[in-house]
Amino acid sequence: MSLANALDELQQQVGQETHVSDWLDMTQEMINAFGAATFDKQWIHIDVARAAKESPYGGTIAHGYFTLSLYPYLRGLVDESRPLFPGAKNVINYGLNKLRFPAAVRAGSRIRARCELLSAEEVKGSIELVEKYTVEVEGQDRPACIAEAIMRLYF
């Protein structure tokens, strides 16, 4: 698919929900691994016994930035066998416009992503997409993460 064809197709989807992921189990092992990789070993994330006693959440919670970092996975951007943008040679994470963590993700809960395309514009020989990434926690009214993610697609 050419850049022009992809841009036309994407612009028709602006304002629409474009993706809902499967549910993902947020395990304590995943939280611990993220904490080890980022050197963020605050007790509220990794000390199960202390968090059960002292945390306002009644247990450990995932790092907010861990929830954010799951965007490429939950969005399906890392599955080479099912490209979201056929013909794109590169999909580059360009940044964020806004980011909020309205609610916590407790260890043992399930999360999923909902994505809405906010804009699609041609920028410097690429298509720049702005997408609203919302992370839902099963059984909770408030989302755990809301971000405006920017991607650039190169054809």
N, C-alpha and C. Protein backbone atom coordinates (compact mmCIF):
# COMPACT_ATOMS: atom_id res chain seq x y z
N MET A 1 0.85 -1.18 0.00
CA MET A 1 0.00 0.00 0.00
C MET A 1 0.89 1.24 0.00
N SER A 2 0.52 2.22 -0.77
CA SER A 2 1.31 3.45 -0.85
C SER A 2 0.97 4.38 0.31
N LEU A 3 1.83 5.36 0.52
CA LEU A 3 1.60 6.36 1.56
C LEU A 3 0.29 7.08 1.31
N ALA A 4 0.03 7.48 0.08
CA ALA A 4 -1.19 8.22 -0.23
C ALA A 4 -2.44 7.39 0.04
N ASN A 5 -2.42 6.12 -0.36
CA ASN A 5 -3.57 5.25 -0.11
C ASN A 5 -3.77 5.00 1.38
N ALA A 6 -2.68 4.77 2.09
CA ALA A 6 -2.77 4.54 3.53
C ALA A 6 -3.29 5.78 4.24
N LEU A 7 -2.80 6.95 3.85
CA LEU A 7 -3.26 8.20 4.46
C LEU A 7 -4.75 8.38 4.25
N ASP A 8 -5.22 8.15 3.03
CA ASP A 8 -6.64 8.29 2.73
C ASP A 8 -7.47 7.33 3.59
N GLU A 9 -7.03 6.10 3.68
CA GLU A 9 -7.74 5.09 4.46
C GLU A 9 -7.77 5.47 5.94
N LEU A 10 -6.62 5.92 6.47
CA LEU A 10 -6.54 6.28 7.88
C LEU A 10 -7.36 7.52 8.20
N GLN A 11 -7.36 8.49 7.32
CA GLN A 11 -8.14 9.71 7.58
C GLN A 11 -9.63 9.42 7.67
N GLN A 12 -10.08 8.38 6.99
CA GLN A 12 -11.48 7.98 7.07
C GLN A 12 -11.83 7.37 8.43
N GLN A 13 -10.81 6.96 9.18
CA GLN A 13 -11.04 6.32 10.48
C GLN A 13 -10.88 7.29 11.66
N VAL A 14 -10.51 8.54 11.39
CA VAL A 14 -10.33 9.51 12.47
C VAL A 14 -11.63 9.66 13.24
N GLY A 15 -11.51 9.63 14.56
CA GLY A 15 -12.67 9.73 15.44
C GLY A 15 -13.30 8.40 15.78
N GLN A 16 -12.76 7.33 15.23
CA GLN A 16 -13.32 6.00 15.47
C GLN A 16 -12.42 5.18 16.38
N GLU A 17 -13.04 4.26 17.12
CA GLU A 17 -12.27 3.28 17.87
C GLU A 17 -11.70 2.29 16.85
N THR A 18 -10.39 2.14 16.85
CA THR A 18 -9.73 1.31 15.84
C THR A 18 -9.21 -0.02 16.39
N HIS A 19 -9.18 -0.15 17.72
CA HIS A 19 -8.62 -1.39 18.27
C HIS A 19 -9.09 -1.58 19.71
N VAL A 20 -9.45 -2.81 20.03
CA VAL A 20 -9.69 -3.24 21.41
C VAL A 20 -8.88 -4.51 21.57
N SER A 21 -7.98 -4.52 22.54
CA SER A 21 -7.11 -5.68 22.71
C SER A 21 -7.82 -6.79 23.48
N ASP A 22 -7.18 -7.94 23.50
CA ASP A 22 -7.59 -9.01 24.40
C ASP A 22 -7.21 -8.60 25.82
N TRP A 23 -7.80 -9.26 26.79
CA TRP A 23 -7.44 -9.03 28.18
C TRP A 23 -6.06 -9.61 28.47
N LEU A 24 -5.31 -8.93 29.32
CA LEU A 24 -3.98 -9.38 29.72
C LEU A 24 -3.95 -9.46 31.24
N ASP A 25 -3.47 -10.60 31.76
CA ASP A 25 -3.30 -10.76 33.20
C ASP A 25 -2.07 -9.98 33.66
N MET A 26 -2.26 -9.11 34.64
CA MET A 26 -1.14 -8.34 35.21
C MET A 26 -0.62 -9.14 36.41
N THR A 27 0.44 -9.88 36.19
CA THR A 27 0.97 -10.75 37.23
C THR A 27 2.03 -10.04 38.07
N GLN A 28 2.21 -10.53 39.27
CA GLN A 28 3.26 -9.99 40.14
C GLN A 28 4.63 -10.21 39.52
N GLU A 29 4.80 -11.32 38.83
CA GLU A 29 6.08 -11.59 38.17
C GLU A 29 6.40 -10.53 37.11
N MET A 30 5.39 -10.12 36.35
CA MET A 30 5.60 -9.07 35.34
C MET A 30 5.96 -7.75 36.01
N ILE A 31 5.26 -7.42 37.09
CA ILE A 31 5.54 -6.18 37.82
C ILE A 31 6.96 -6.21 38.38
N ASN A 32 7.35 -7.33 38.96
CA ASN A 32 8.71 -7.46 39.50
C ASN A 32 9.76 -7.30 38.40
N ALA A 33 9.51 -7.90 37.25
CA ALA A 33 10.47 -7.82 36.14
C ALA A 33 10.61 -6.38 35.66
N PHE A 34 9.50 -5.65 35.56
CA PHE A 34 9.57 -4.24 35.16
C PHE A 34 10.35 -3.44 36.20
N GLY A 35 10.07 -3.67 37.46
CA GLY A 35 10.80 -2.99 38.52
C GLY A 35 12.29 -3.26 38.47
N ALA A 36 12.67 -4.50 38.21
CA ALA A 36 14.09 -4.85 38.11
C ALA A 36 14.73 -4.18 36.89
N ALA A 37 14.02 -4.16 35.77
CA ALA A 37 14.58 -3.57 34.54
C ALA A 37 14.75 -2.06 34.64
N THR A 38 13.88 -1.41 35.42
CA THR A 38 13.91 0.06 35.52
C THR A 38 14.49 0.55 36.84
N PHE A 39 14.91 -0.37 37.69
CA PHE A 39 15.47 -0.04 39.01
C PHE A 39 14.45 0.63 39.92
N ASP A 40 13.17 0.45 39.64
CA ASP A 40 12.10 1.01 40.46
C ASP A 40 11.56 -0.11 41.34
N LYS A 41 12.11 -0.21 42.54
CA LYS A 41 11.75 -1.30 43.44
C LYS A 41 11.01 -0.80 44.67
N GLN A 42 10.14 0.21 44.45
CA GLN A 42 9.34 0.71 45.55
C GLN A 42 8.46 -0.41 46.11
N TRP A 43 8.30 -0.41 47.42
CA TRP A 43 7.57 -1.49 48.09
C TRP A 43 6.15 -1.64 47.57
N ILE A 44 5.49 -0.57 47.18
CA ILE A 44 4.10 -0.66 46.74
C ILE A 44 3.95 -1.51 45.48
N HIS A 45 5.07 -1.71 44.78
CA HIS A 45 5.06 -2.53 43.57
C HIS A 45 5.53 -3.97 43.81
N ILE A 46 6.52 -4.14 44.68
CA ILE A 46 7.16 -5.47 44.74
C ILE A 46 7.10 -6.18 46.09
N ASP A 47 6.75 -5.48 47.17
CA ASP A 47 6.70 -6.12 48.48
C ASP A 47 5.26 -6.52 48.79
N VAL A 48 4.94 -7.76 48.45
CA VAL A 48 3.57 -8.25 48.55
C VAL A 48 3.05 -8.19 49.98
N ALA A 49 3.85 -8.63 50.93
CA ALA A 49 3.41 -8.65 52.34
C ALA A 49 3.18 -7.23 52.87
N ARG A 50 4.11 -6.34 52.63
CA ARG A 50 3.96 -4.97 53.12
C ARG A 50 2.79 -4.26 52.43
N ALA A 51 2.65 -4.46 51.13
CA ALA A 51 1.56 -3.82 50.39
C ALA A 51 0.20 -4.31 50.89
N ALA A 52 0.11 -5.59 51.26
CA ALA A 52 -1.15 -6.13 51.79
C ALA A 52 -1.54 -5.42 53.08
N LYS A 53 -0.54 -5.03 53.86
CA LYS A 53 -0.81 -4.37 55.15
C LYS A 53 -0.94 -2.86 55.03
N GLU A 54 -0.09 -2.22 54.22
CA GLU A 54 0.03 -0.76 54.24
C GLU A 54 -0.51 -0.02 53.01
N SER A 55 -0.67 -0.71 51.92
CA SER A 55 -1.10 -0.04 50.69
C SER A 55 -2.58 0.31 50.74
N PRO A 56 -2.95 1.48 50.27
CA PRO A 56 -4.38 1.81 50.20
C PRO A 56 -5.13 0.94 49.19
N TYR A 57 -4.40 0.19 48.37
CA TYR A 57 -5.00 -0.68 47.36
C TYR A 57 -5.17 -2.11 47.85
N GLY A 58 -4.67 -2.41 49.04
CA GLY A 58 -4.80 -3.75 49.60
C GLY A 58 -3.84 -4.75 49.02
N GLY A 59 -2.88 -4.30 48.26
CA GLY A 59 -1.88 -5.18 47.65
C GLY A 59 -0.98 -4.39 46.74
N THR A 60 -0.12 -5.08 46.04
CA THR A 60 0.81 -4.41 45.14
C THR A 60 0.08 -3.90 43.90
N ILE A 61 0.69 -2.89 43.28
CA ILE A 61 0.15 -2.32 42.05
C ILE A 61 1.26 -2.25 41.00
N ALA A 62 0.84 -2.25 39.75
CA ALA A 62 1.79 -2.11 38.64
C ALA A 62 2.29 -0.67 38.59
N HIS A 63 3.50 -0.50 38.12
CA HIS A 63 4.05 0.83 37.86
C HIS A 63 3.21 1.48 36.76
N GLY A 64 2.94 2.77 36.90
CA GLY A 64 2.20 3.47 35.87
C GLY A 64 2.90 3.38 34.52
N TYR A 65 4.23 3.54 34.55
CA TYR A 65 4.97 3.49 33.29
C TYR A 65 5.01 2.08 32.70
N PHE A 66 4.81 1.06 33.52
CA PHE A 66 4.69 -0.29 32.99
C PHE A 66 3.38 -0.39 32.20
N THR A 67 2.31 0.12 32.77
CA THR A 67 1.01 0.12 32.08
C THR A 67 1.13 0.86 30.75
N LEU A 68 1.80 2.00 30.76
CA LEU A 68 2.02 2.75 29.52
C LEU A 68 2.85 1.94 28.53
N SER A 69 3.90 1.30 29.02
CA SER A 69 4.84 0.60 28.12
C SER A 69 4.21 -0.60 27.42
N LEU A 70 3.07 -1.06 27.89
CA LEU A 70 2.39 -2.17 27.24
C LEU A 70 1.65 -1.76 25.98
N TYR A 71 1.63 -0.47 25.68
CA TYR A 71 0.93 0.03 24.49
C TYR A 71 1.32 -0.72 23.21
N PRO A 72 2.60 -0.84 22.85
CA PRO A 72 2.91 -1.55 21.59
C PRO A 72 2.39 -2.98 21.57
N TYR A 73 2.48 -3.67 22.70
CA TYR A 73 1.99 -5.05 22.76
C TYR A 73 0.47 -5.09 22.66
N LEU A 74 -0.21 -4.33 23.52
CA LEU A 74 -1.67 -4.37 23.52
C LEU A 74 -2.26 -3.86 22.20
N ARG A 75 -1.57 -2.95 21.56
CA ARG A 75 -2.03 -2.38 20.29
C ARG A 75 -1.78 -3.34 19.13
N GLY A 76 -0.93 -4.34 19.33
CA GLY A 76 -0.62 -5.28 18.26
C GLY A 76 0.47 -4.80 17.34
N LEU A 77 1.27 -3.84 17.80
CA LEU A 77 2.33 -3.28 16.95
C LEU A 77 3.55 -4.18 16.85
N VAL A 78 3.66 -5.17 17.71
CA VAL A 78 4.88 -5.98 17.72
C VAL A 78 4.67 -7.37 17.13
N ASP A 79 3.51 -7.62 16.54
CA ASP A 79 3.23 -8.92 15.92
C ASP A 79 3.55 -8.83 14.42
N GLU A 80 4.74 -9.27 14.04
CA GLU A 80 5.18 -9.16 12.64
C GLU A 80 4.32 -9.99 11.70
N SER A 81 3.64 -11.01 12.21
CA SER A 81 2.83 -11.86 11.34
C SER A 81 1.50 -11.19 10.97
N ARG A 82 1.12 -10.14 11.70
CA ARG A 82 -0.14 -9.42 11.42
C ARG A 82 0.11 -7.91 11.44
N PRO A 83 0.74 -7.38 10.43
CA PRO A 83 1.03 -5.94 10.43
C PRO A 83 -0.25 -5.12 10.40
N LEU A 84 -0.32 -4.10 11.25
CA LEU A 84 -1.49 -3.23 11.27
C LEU A 84 -1.54 -2.32 10.06
N PHE A 85 -0.37 -2.00 9.54
CA PHE A 85 -0.27 -1.07 8.43
C PHE A 85 0.49 -1.74 7.29
N PRO A 86 -0.19 -2.56 6.46
CA PRO A 86 0.50 -3.27 5.39
C PRO A 86 1.26 -2.30 4.48
N GLY A 87 2.47 -2.66 4.18
CA GLY A 87 3.31 -1.84 3.32
C GLY A 87 4.19 -0.87 4.08
N ALA A 88 3.91 -0.63 5.36
CA ALA A 88 4.75 0.26 6.14
C ALA A 88 6.09 -0.43 6.41
N LYS A 89 7.17 0.26 6.08
CA LYS A 89 8.51 -0.28 6.32
C LYS A 89 8.93 -0.10 7.77
N ASN A 90 8.50 0.99 8.38
CA ASN A 90 8.82 1.28 9.78
C ASN A 90 7.62 1.91 10.46
N VAL A 91 7.40 1.51 11.70
CA VAL A 91 6.42 2.16 12.58
C VAL A 91 7.23 2.65 13.77
N ILE A 92 7.32 3.96 13.92
CA ILE A 92 8.17 4.57 14.94
C ILE A 92 7.30 5.21 16.02
N ASN A 93 7.58 4.88 17.29
CA ASN A 93 6.94 5.60 18.39
C ASN A 93 7.59 6.97 18.45
N TYR A 94 6.80 8.00 18.26
CA TYR A 94 7.33 9.36 18.17
C TYR A 94 7.21 10.13 19.48
N GLY A 95 6.26 9.75 20.32
CA GLY A 95 6.13 10.43 21.61
C GLY A 95 4.70 10.43 22.11
N LEU A 96 4.47 11.31 23.08
CA LEU A 96 3.16 11.44 23.71
C LEU A 96 2.77 12.90 23.78
N ASN A 97 1.49 13.18 23.61
CA ASN A 97 0.99 14.53 23.84
C ASN A 97 0.51 14.69 25.27
N LYS A 98 -0.23 13.72 25.76
CA LYS A 98 -0.81 13.77 27.10
C LYS A 98 -0.68 12.39 27.73
N LEU A 99 -0.57 12.38 29.07
CA LEU A 99 -0.48 11.11 29.79
C LEU A 99 -1.04 11.30 31.18
N ARG A 100 -1.94 10.40 31.57
CA ARG A 100 -2.52 10.41 32.91
C ARG A 100 -2.68 8.97 33.38
N PHE A 101 -2.59 8.81 34.72
CA PHE A 101 -2.81 7.51 35.36
C PHE A 101 -3.94 7.67 36.39
N PRO A 102 -5.22 7.68 35.96
CA PRO A 102 -6.32 7.95 36.87
C PRO A 102 -6.58 6.88 37.94
N ALA A 103 -6.17 5.64 37.69
CA ALA A 103 -6.43 4.56 38.65
C ALA A 103 -5.27 3.57 38.62
N ALA A 104 -5.17 2.82 39.70
CA ALA A 104 -4.09 1.83 39.82
C ALA A 104 -4.48 0.50 39.19
N VAL A 105 -3.46 -0.27 38.83
CA VAL A 105 -3.64 -1.64 38.33
C VAL A 105 -3.09 -2.57 39.39
N ARG A 106 -3.96 -3.25 40.09
CA ARG A 106 -3.53 -4.19 41.13
C ARG A 106 -2.96 -5.45 40.50
N ALA A 107 -1.96 -6.00 41.15
CA ALA A 107 -1.42 -7.30 40.73
C ALA A 107 -2.56 -8.31 40.76
N GLY A 108 -2.63 -9.13 39.73
CA GLY A 108 -3.68 -10.13 39.64
C GLY A 108 -4.90 -9.67 38.86
N SER A 109 -4.94 -8.39 38.50
CA SER A 109 -6.08 -7.90 37.72
C SER A 109 -5.85 -8.13 36.24
N ARG A 110 -6.88 -7.84 35.45
CA ARG A 110 -6.77 -7.97 34.00
C ARG A 110 -6.99 -6.60 33.37
N ILE A 111 -6.18 -6.33 32.35
CA ILE A 111 -6.28 -5.05 31.65
C ILE A 111 -6.44 -5.29 30.15
N ARG A 112 -6.98 -4.27 29.49
CA ARG A 112 -7.02 -4.29 28.03
C ARG A 112 -6.95 -2.85 27.54
N ALA A 113 -6.57 -2.71 26.27
CA ALA A 113 -6.45 -1.39 25.66
C ALA A 113 -7.61 -1.14 24.71
N ARG A 114 -8.03 0.12 24.69
CA ARG A 114 -8.96 0.62 23.68
C ARG A 114 -8.24 1.77 23.00
N CYS A 115 -8.25 1.79 21.67
CA CYS A 115 -7.54 2.82 20.91
C CYS A 115 -8.49 3.53 19.96
N GLU A 116 -8.37 4.84 19.95
CA GLU A 116 -9.18 5.68 19.07
C GLU A 116 -8.25 6.55 18.25
N LEU A 117 -8.44 6.57 16.95
CA LEU A 117 -7.60 7.39 16.07
C LEU A 117 -8.05 8.84 16.16
N LEU A 118 -7.15 9.72 16.60
CA LEU A 118 -7.46 11.14 16.75
C LEU A 118 -7.08 11.95 15.53
N SER A 119 -5.98 11.57 14.87
CA SER A 119 -5.59 12.29 13.65
C SER A 119 -4.64 11.44 12.83
N ALA A 120 -4.57 11.76 11.54
CA ALA A 120 -3.64 11.14 10.59
C ALA A 120 -3.26 12.21 9.59
N GLU A 121 -1.99 12.58 9.59
CA GLU A 121 -1.51 13.65 8.71
C GLU A 121 -0.19 13.24 8.08
N GLU A 122 0.06 13.75 6.88
CA GLU A 122 1.36 13.53 6.25
C GLU A 122 2.36 14.50 6.86
N VAL A 123 3.49 13.95 7.32
CA VAL A 123 4.55 14.76 7.92
C VAL A 123 5.90 14.24 7.43
N LYS A 124 6.61 15.05 6.70
CA LYS A 124 7.98 14.74 6.26
C LYS A 124 8.11 13.34 5.65
N GLY A 125 7.26 13.05 4.71
CA GLY A 125 7.34 11.77 4.01
C GLY A 125 6.85 10.58 4.81
N SER A 126 6.11 10.84 5.88
CA SER A 126 5.54 9.78 6.70
C SER A 126 4.09 10.12 7.00
N ILE A 127 3.41 9.18 7.62
CA ILE A 127 2.08 9.45 8.15
C ILE A 127 2.22 9.53 9.67
N GLU A 128 1.84 10.66 10.22
CA GLU A 128 1.87 10.80 11.67
C GLU A 128 0.47 10.56 12.21
N LEU A 129 0.37 9.55 13.07
CA LEU A 129 -0.89 9.20 13.71
C LEU A 129 -0.87 9.65 15.16
N VAL A 130 -1.97 10.19 15.62
CA VAL A 130 -2.16 10.44 17.05
C VAL A 130 -3.32 9.56 17.47
N GLU A 131 -3.07 8.76 18.47
CA GLU A 131 -4.05 7.77 18.89
C GLU A 131 -4.27 7.88 20.40
N LYS A 132 -5.52 7.84 20.81
CA LYS A 132 -5.84 7.81 22.23
C LYS A 132 -5.77 6.37 22.70
N TYR A 133 -4.92 6.13 23.68
CA TYR A 133 -4.69 4.81 24.27
C TYR A 133 -5.29 4.84 25.67
N THR A 134 -6.32 4.02 25.87
CA THR A 134 -6.97 3.94 27.18
C THR A 134 -6.84 2.52 27.69
N VAL A 135 -6.34 2.38 28.91
CA VAL A 135 -6.19 1.06 29.51
C VAL A 135 -7.31 0.87 30.53
N GLU A 136 -8.15 -0.11 30.28
CA GLU A 136 -9.23 -0.47 31.19
C GLU A 136 -8.75 -1.56 32.13
N VAL A 137 -9.26 -1.54 33.35
CA VAL A 137 -9.03 -2.60 34.31
C VAL A 137 -10.36 -3.30 34.52
N GLU A 138 -10.37 -4.58 34.32
CA GLU A 138 -11.62 -5.34 34.44
C GLU A 138 -12.26 -5.09 35.81
N GLY A 139 -13.54 -4.69 35.78
CA GLY A 139 -14.28 -4.47 37.02
C GLY A 139 -14.11 -3.09 37.63
N GLN A 140 -13.33 -2.21 37.02
CA GLN A 140 -13.14 -0.86 37.52
C GLN A 140 -13.78 0.13 36.58
N ASP A 141 -14.35 1.19 37.15
CA ASP A 141 -14.98 2.23 36.33
C ASP A 141 -13.94 3.16 35.72
N ARG A 142 -12.90 3.49 36.47
CA ARG A 142 -11.91 4.45 35.99
C ARG A 142 -10.78 3.73 35.26
N PRO A 143 -10.31 4.28 34.15
CA PRO A 143 -9.19 3.67 33.43
C PRO A 143 -7.89 3.83 34.22
N ALA A 144 -6.94 2.98 33.94
CA ALA A 144 -5.64 3.02 34.60
C ALA A 144 -4.68 3.97 33.89
N CYS A 145 -4.87 4.15 32.60
CA CYS A 145 -3.96 4.98 31.82
C CYS A 145 -4.73 5.58 30.65
N ILE A 146 -4.49 6.86 30.41
CA ILE A 146 -5.01 7.52 29.22
C ILE A 146 -3.85 8.31 28.63
N ALA A 147 -3.53 8.04 27.37
CA ALA A 147 -2.41 8.71 26.73
C ALA A 147 -2.76 9.02 25.28
N GLU A 148 -2.18 10.09 24.78
CA GLU A 148 -2.23 10.38 23.35
C GLU A 148 -0.87 9.99 22.80
N ALA A 149 -0.84 8.88 22.10
CA ALA A 149 0.40 8.34 21.56
C ALA A 149 0.57 8.78 20.11
N ILE A 150 1.79 9.13 19.76
CA ILE A 150 2.10 9.56 18.40
C ILE A 150 2.99 8.51 17.74
N MET A 151 2.60 8.09 16.55
CA MET A 151 3.39 7.15 15.75
C MET A 151 3.65 7.77 14.39
N ARG A 152 4.75 7.40 13.82
CA ARG A 152 5.02 7.76 12.43
C ARG A 152 5.19 6.48 11.62
N LEU A 153 4.50 6.45 10.49
CA LEU A 153 4.56 5.30 9.58
C LEU A 153 5.34 5.72 8.35
N TYR A 154 6.34 4.91 8.00
CA TYR A 154 7.15 5.17 6.80
C TYR A 154 6.90 4.07 5.79
N PHE A 155 6.61 4.48 4.57
CA PHE A 155 6.32 3.53 3.48
C PHE A 155 7.45 3.51 2.47
